[in-house]
Amino acid sequence: MNFFKKIKNFFDFLRNLTVIYIIKNTYSTFIYGEKYHI
């Protein structure tokens, strides 16, 4: 049970990272008018 909880937390963490990356990309695109990859 604890193992599955850890896996779920890990995937939540990955999803949050992806969302943050996409938001930063979109924001940078809006500001600079072009794709700005980190």
N, C-alpha and C. Protein backbone atom coordinates (compact mmCIF):
# COMPACT_ATOMS: atom_id res chain seq x y z
N MET A 1 0.84 -1.20 0.00
CA MET A 1 0.00 0.00 0.00
C MET A 1 0.88 1.26 0.00
N ASN A 2 1.87 1.26 0.88
CA ASN A 2 2.80 2.39 0.95
C ASN A 2 3.55 2.55 -0.37
N PHE A 3 3.87 1.40 -0.99
CA PHE A 3 4.60 1.40 -2.26
C PHE A 3 3.81 2.12 -3.34
N PHE A 4 2.52 1.81 -3.42
CA PHE A 4 1.66 2.45 -4.43
C PHE A 4 1.53 3.94 -4.17
N LYS A 5 1.49 4.31 -2.90
CA LYS A 5 1.40 5.71 -2.53
C LYS A 5 2.65 6.46 -3.02
N LYS A 6 3.81 5.82 -2.86
CA LYS A 6 5.05 6.43 -3.33
C LYS A 6 5.04 6.61 -4.84
N ILE A 7 4.56 5.58 -5.55
CA ILE A 7 4.49 5.66 -7.02
C ILE A 7 3.54 6.78 -7.44
N LYS A 8 2.40 6.87 -6.77
CA LYS A 8 1.44 7.92 -7.10
C LYS A 8 2.05 9.30 -6.87
N ASN A 9 2.75 9.47 -5.75
CA ASN A 9 3.40 10.74 -5.45
C ASN A 9 4.44 11.08 -6.52
N PHE A 10 5.17 10.06 -6.96
CA PHE A 10 6.20 10.26 -7.98
C PHE A 10 5.57 10.75 -9.28
N PHE A 11 4.47 10.12 -9.69
CA PHE A 11 3.82 10.53 -10.93
C PHE A 11 3.17 11.91 -10.81
N ASP A 12 2.65 12.22 -9.63
CA ASP A 12 2.12 13.57 -9.39
C ASP A 12 3.24 14.59 -9.53
N PHE A 13 4.41 14.25 -8.99
CA PHE A 13 5.58 15.12 -9.07
C PHE A 13 5.98 15.34 -10.52
N LEU A 14 6.03 14.25 -11.30
CA LEU A 14 6.38 14.35 -12.72
C LEU A 14 5.38 15.22 -13.47
N ARG A 15 4.09 15.03 -13.18
CA ARG A 15 3.05 15.80 -13.86
C ARG A 15 3.19 17.28 -13.53
N ASN A 16 3.46 17.58 -12.26
CA ASN A 16 3.64 18.97 -11.85
C ASN A 16 4.82 19.60 -12.56
N LEU A 17 5.93 18.86 -12.68
CA LEU A 17 7.10 19.36 -13.40
C LEU A 17 6.75 19.67 -14.84
N THR A 18 6.02 18.76 -15.48
CA THR A 18 5.64 18.94 -16.88
C THR A 18 4.76 20.17 -17.05
N VAL A 19 3.79 20.32 -16.15
CA VAL A 19 2.88 21.47 -16.21
C VAL A 19 3.66 22.78 -16.05
N ILE A 20 4.57 22.81 -15.08
CA ILE A 20 5.39 24.01 -14.86
C ILE A 20 6.22 24.32 -16.09
N TYR A 21 6.82 23.28 -16.69
CA TYR A 21 7.64 23.48 -17.89
C TYR A 21 6.82 24.05 -19.04
N ILE A 22 5.63 23.50 -19.24
CA ILE A 22 4.75 23.97 -20.32
C ILE A 22 4.33 25.42 -20.08
N ILE A 23 4.00 25.74 -18.83
CA ILE A 23 3.60 27.12 -18.50
C ILE A 23 4.75 28.08 -18.75
N LYS A 24 5.97 27.70 -18.34
CA LYS A 24 7.13 28.56 -18.56
C LYS A 24 7.39 28.73 -20.04
N ASN A 25 7.24 27.65 -20.81
CA ASN A 25 7.43 27.72 -22.26
C ASN A 25 6.42 28.66 -22.89
N THR A 26 5.16 28.53 -22.49
CA THR A 26 4.10 29.37 -23.03
C THR A 26 4.33 30.83 -22.68
N TYR A 27 4.70 31.07 -21.43
CA TYR A 27 4.96 32.43 -20.96
C TYR A 27 6.12 33.05 -21.74
N SER A 28 7.20 32.27 -21.92
CA SER A 28 8.37 32.76 -22.66
C SER A 28 8.00 33.04 -24.11
N THR A 29 7.19 32.17 -24.70
CA THR A 29 6.75 32.37 -26.08
C THR A 29 5.95 33.66 -26.19
N PHE A 30 5.10 33.91 -25.21
CA PHE A 30 4.28 35.11 -25.20
C PHE A 30 5.15 36.36 -25.07
N ILE A 31 6.16 36.30 -24.20
CA ILE A 31 7.02 37.46 -23.95
C ILE A 31 7.96 37.72 -25.12
N TYR A 32 8.63 36.69 -25.59
CA TYR A 32 9.69 36.88 -26.59
C TYR A 32 9.20 36.69 -28.02
N GLY A 33 7.99 36.13 -28.16
CA GLY A 33 7.45 35.93 -29.50
C GLY A 33 8.07 34.74 -30.22
N GLU A 34 8.75 33.89 -29.48
CA GLU A 34 9.35 32.69 -30.09
C GLU A 34 9.54 31.64 -29.00
N LYS A 35 9.73 30.39 -29.44
CA LYS A 35 9.97 29.33 -28.48
C LYS A 35 11.29 29.59 -27.77
N TYR A 36 11.25 29.53 -26.46
CA TYR A 36 12.45 29.78 -25.66
C TYR A 36 12.66 28.59 -24.74
N HIS A 37 13.48 27.65 -25.20
CA HIS A 37 13.70 26.42 -24.44
C HIS A 37 14.78 26.61 -23.40
N ILE A 38 14.58 25.99 -22.25
CA ILE A 38 15.54 26.09 -21.16
C ILE A 38 16.66 25.10 -21.39
